[in-house]
Amino acid sequence: MIPESTWLFETTDYENTIVYLARSTWETKIFEHPEISDYLLDVGTTIQSPDLVFQSTRDERSRIFYHLYVGREKLKDKHLVVVVKYIQEEETKRGFISTMYLSRAVYSRGELLWKNLKQNFPSE
């Protein structure tokens, strides 16, 4: 059993699968990408209600979630990208956020798994 304090938060994704963000993952990513330090709530929103979700081409267990144009101030044209790795446990599947960062482009090469039909998408 993993101590509850290990998790910064848990939420559900667009398929109602539980996804966790480990406190250690968040702290590591802030160190690597300090510009995301103000985006913790946006990470949860990106998982719950993504604009786009792609299958990762690097790891078949991972999916790449996009929240488009979430950047603020100097970063206003950037998208929040959150990578979730899914693990099949005995009778359930769980997701664990492995990384997150801001990006100017949507450049995933994997299969498009989800598209928010209410969102206006960039023509790239």
C-alpha atoms as a PDB file:
ATOM      1  CA  MET A   1       0.000   0.000   0.000  1.00  0.00           C
ATOM      2  CA  ILE A   2       1.372   3.417  -1.001  1.00  0.00           C
ATOM      3  CA  PRO A   3       0.956   6.223   1.566  1.00  0.00           C
ATOM      4  CA  GLU A   4      -1.754   8.706   0.562  1.00  0.00           C
ATOM      5  CA  SER A   5       0.667  11.631   1.029  1.00  0.00           C
ATOM      6  CA  THR A   6       2.596  10.275  -1.972  1.00  0.00           C
ATOM      7  CA  TRP A   7      -0.124  11.586  -4.299  1.00  0.00           C
ATOM      8  CA  LEU A   8      -0.569  15.269  -4.978  1.00  0.00           C
ATOM      9  CA  PHE A   9      -3.962  14.543  -6.486  1.00  0.00           C
ATOM     10  CA  GLU A  10      -6.070  11.940  -8.192  1.00  0.00           C
ATOM     11  CA  THR A  11      -8.666  12.557 -10.874  1.00  0.00           C
ATOM     12  CA  THR A  12     -10.413  10.662 -13.646  1.00  0.00           C
ATOM     13  CA  ASP A  13      -9.663  10.912 -17.330  1.00  0.00           C
ATOM     14  CA  TYR A  14     -12.090  11.216 -20.258  1.00  0.00           C
ATOM     15  CA  GLU A  15     -12.703   7.436 -20.070  1.00  0.00           C
ATOM     16  CA  ASN A  16     -13.339   7.531 -16.297  1.00  0.00           C
ATOM     17  CA  THR A  17     -10.012   5.861 -15.447  1.00  0.00           C
ATOM     18  CA  ILE A  18      -8.371   7.042 -12.225  1.00  0.00           C
ATOM     19  CA  VAL A  19      -5.169   9.018 -12.851  1.00  0.00           C
ATOM     20  CA  TYR A  20      -2.678   9.976 -10.142  1.00  0.00           C
ATOM     21  CA  LEU A  21      -0.061  12.710  -9.921  1.00  0.00           C
ATOM     22  CA  ALA A  22       2.739  11.809  -7.517  1.00  0.00           C
ATOM     23  CA  ARG A  23       4.128  14.621  -5.400  1.00  0.00           C
ATOM     24  CA  SER A  24       7.666  13.581  -6.443  1.00  0.00           C
ATOM     25  CA  THR A  25       6.763  13.754 -10.161  1.00  0.00           C
ATOM     26  CA  TRP A  26       5.367  17.285  -9.790  1.00  0.00           C
ATOM     27  CA  GLU A  27       8.407  18.482  -7.843  1.00  0.00           C
ATOM     28  CA  THR A  28      10.807  16.952 -10.380  1.00  0.00           C
ATOM     29  CA  LYS A  29       8.980  18.465 -13.352  1.00  0.00           C
ATOM     30  CA  ILE A  30       8.895  21.933 -11.760  1.00  0.00           C
ATOM     31  CA  PHE A  31      12.657  21.673 -11.362  1.00  0.00           C
ATOM     32  CA  GLU A  32      13.034  20.608 -15.034  1.00  0.00           C
ATOM     33  CA  HIS A  33      10.344  22.954 -16.410  1.00  0.00           C
ATOM     34  CA  PRO A  34       9.894  25.839 -13.914  1.00  0.00           C
ATOM     35  CA  GLU A  35       7.396  27.550 -16.226  1.00  0.00           C
ATOM     36  CA  ILE A  36       4.738  24.958 -15.283  1.00  0.00           C
ATOM     37  CA  SER A  37       4.772  25.767 -11.565  1.00  0.00           C
ATOM     38  CA  ASP A  38       1.538  27.811 -11.895  1.00  0.00           C
ATOM     39  CA  TYR A  39      -0.280  25.112 -13.881  1.00  0.00           C
ATOM     40  CA  LEU A  40      -1.128  22.437 -11.285  1.00  0.00           C
ATOM     41  CA  LEU A  41      -4.903  22.989 -11.585  1.00  0.00           C
ATOM     42  CA  ASP A  42      -4.557  22.969 -15.364  1.00  0.00           C
ATOM     43  CA  VAL A  43      -2.870  19.549 -15.217  1.00  0.00           C
ATOM     44  CA  GLY A  44      -5.996  18.143 -13.566  1.00  0.00           C
ATOM     45  CA  THR A  45      -8.270  19.855 -16.101  1.00  0.00           C
ATOM     46  CA  THR A  46      -6.153  18.530 -18.964  1.00  0.00           C
ATOM     47  CA  ILE A  47      -6.695  14.973 -17.740  1.00  0.00           C
ATOM     48  CA  GLN A  48     -10.409  15.401 -16.967  1.00  0.00           C
ATOM     49  CA  SER A  49     -11.365  17.320 -20.087  1.00  0.00           C
ATOM     50  CA  PRO A  50      -8.598  17.228 -22.703  1.00  0.00           C
ATOM     51  CA  ASP A  51      -8.749  18.965 -26.040  1.00  0.00           C
ATOM     52  CA  LEU A  52      -6.740  16.208 -27.743  1.00  0.00           C
ATOM     53  CA  VAL A  53      -5.379  12.815 -26.699  1.00  0.00           C
ATOM     54  CA  PHE A  54      -2.873  10.844 -28.755  1.00  0.00           C
ATOM     55  CA  GLN A  55      -1.454   7.366 -28.336  1.00  0.00           C
ATOM     56  CA  SER A  56       2.253   7.594 -27.582  1.00  0.00           C
ATOM     57  CA  THR A  57       4.558   6.167 -30.250  1.00  0.00           C
ATOM     58  CA  ARG A  58       7.331   5.679 -27.661  1.00  0.00           C
ATOM     59  CA  ASP A  59       5.402   3.633 -25.090  1.00  0.00           C
ATOM     60  CA  GLU A  60       2.228   1.715 -25.889  1.00  0.00           C
ATOM     61  CA  ARG A  61       1.056   2.198 -22.282  1.00  0.00           C
ATOM     62  CA  SER A  62       1.211   6.006 -22.516  1.00  0.00           C
ATOM     63  CA  ARG A  63      -1.135   8.656 -23.863  1.00  0.00           C
ATOM     64  CA  ILE A  64      -0.402  12.314 -24.563  1.00  0.00           C
ATOM     65  CA  PHE A  65      -3.036  14.805 -23.381  1.00  0.00           C
ATOM     66  CA  TYR A  66      -3.246  18.373 -24.699  1.00  0.00           C
ATOM     67  CA  HIS A  67      -4.968  21.426 -23.249  1.00  0.00           C
ATOM     68  CA  LEU A  68      -4.708  23.971 -26.036  1.00  0.00           C
ATOM     69  CA  TYR A  69      -3.782  27.627 -25.508  1.00  0.00           C
ATOM     70  CA  VAL A  70      -3.668  27.339 -21.724  1.00  0.00           C
ATOM     71  CA  GLY A  71      -0.483  29.424 -21.452  1.00  0.00           C
ATOM     72  CA  ARG A  72      -0.625  32.750 -19.668  1.00  0.00           C
ATOM     73  CA  GLU A  73       1.238  36.040 -20.126  1.00  0.00           C
ATOM     74  CA  LYS A  74       4.471  35.447 -22.077  1.00  0.00           C
ATOM     75  CA  LEU A  75       3.434  31.827 -22.615  1.00  0.00           C
ATOM     76  CA  LYS A  76      -0.071  32.615 -23.917  1.00  0.00           C
ATOM     77  CA  ASP A  77       0.319  30.746 -27.223  1.00  0.00           C
ATOM     78  CA  LYS A  78       1.464  27.523 -25.583  1.00  0.00           C
ATOM     79  CA  HIS A  79      -0.369  24.269 -24.944  1.00  0.00           C
ATOM     80  CA  LEU A  80      -0.101  22.164 -21.793  1.00  0.00           C
ATOM     81  CA  VAL A  81       1.034  18.626 -22.578  1.00  0.00           C
ATOM     82  CA  VAL A  82       0.549  15.875 -19.989  1.00  0.00           C
ATOM     83  CA  VAL A  83       1.791  12.312 -20.512  1.00  0.00           C
ATOM     84  CA  VAL A  84      -0.072   9.577 -18.648  1.00  0.00           C
ATOM     85  CA  LYS A  85       1.187   6.011 -18.379  1.00  0.00           C
ATOM     86  CA  TYR A  86      -1.537   3.409 -17.815  1.00  0.00           C
ATOM     87  CA  ILE A  87      -0.933   0.260 -15.812  1.00  0.00           C
ATOM     88  CA  GLN A  88      -3.325  -2.694 -15.930  1.00  0.00           C
ATOM     89  CA  GLU A  89      -3.724  -4.017 -12.413  1.00  0.00           C
ATOM     90  CA  GLU A  90      -5.649  -7.156 -11.449  1.00  0.00           C
ATOM     91  CA  GLU A  91      -9.141  -5.930 -12.268  1.00  0.00           C
ATOM     92  CA  THR A  92      -8.671  -2.277 -13.056  1.00  0.00           C
ATOM     93  CA  LYS A  93      -6.539   0.103 -15.082  1.00  0.00           C
ATOM     94  CA  ARG A  94      -4.892   3.122 -13.435  1.00  0.00           C
ATOM     95  CA  GLY A  95      -3.005   6.041 -14.901  1.00  0.00           C
ATOM     96  CA  PHE A  96       0.062   7.799 -13.559  1.00  0.00           C
ATOM     97  CA  ILE A  97       1.232  11.174 -14.847  1.00  0.00           C
ATOM     98  CA  SER A  98       4.839  10.764 -15.965  1.00  0.00           C
ATOM     99  CA  THR A  99       5.603  14.236 -17.283  1.00  0.00           C
ATOM    100  CA  MET A 100       4.099  17.586 -18.221  1.00  0.00           C
ATOM    101  CA  TYR A 101       5.374  20.631 -20.093  1.00  0.00           C
ATOM    102  CA  LEU A 102       4.298  23.590 -22.230  1.00  0.00           C
ATOM    103  CA  SER A 103       4.646  23.431 -26.012  1.00  0.00           C
ATOM    104  CA  ARG A 104       3.958  25.763 -28.934  1.00  0.00           C
ATOM    105  CA  ALA A 105       2.997  22.917 -31.276  1.00  0.00           C
ATOM    106  CA  VAL A 106       0.776  19.862 -31.363  1.00  0.00           C
ATOM    107  CA  TYR A 107       3.224  17.390 -32.812  1.00  0.00           C
ATOM    108  CA  SER A 108       2.265  13.942 -31.658  1.00  0.00           C
ATOM    109  CA  ARG A 109       2.683  11.304 -34.338  1.00  0.00           C
ATOM    110  CA  GLY A 110       0.521   8.726 -32.590  1.00  0.00           C
ATOM    111  CA  GLU A 111      -3.076   7.813 -33.279  1.00  0.00           C
ATOM    112  CA  LEU A 112      -5.626  10.441 -32.267  1.00  0.00           C
ATOM    113  CA  LEU A 113      -7.723   8.813 -29.519  1.00  0.00           C
ATOM    114  CA  TRP A 114      -9.850  11.775 -28.405  1.00  0.00           C
ATOM    115  CA  LYS A 115     -10.817  15.168 -29.788  1.00  0.00           C
ATOM    116  CA  ASN A 116     -12.948  17.713 -27.946  1.00  0.00           C
ATOM    117  CA  LEU A 117     -15.504  18.614 -30.598  1.00  0.00           C
ATOM    118  CA  LYS A 118     -16.270  21.943 -28.885  1.00  0.00           C
ATOM    119  CA  GLN A 119     -12.697  23.224 -29.293  1.00  0.00           C
ATOM    120  CA  ASN A 120     -11.419  25.333 -32.194  1.00  0.00           C
ATOM    121  CA  PHE A 121      -8.178  23.705 -33.289  1.00  0.00           C
ATOM    122  CA  PRO A 122      -5.115  25.316 -34.826  1.00  0.00           C
ATOM    123  CA  SER A 123      -4.475  24.550 -38.463  1.00  0.00           C
ATOM    124  CA  GLU A 124      -1.011  23.039 -38.256  1.00  0.00           C
END
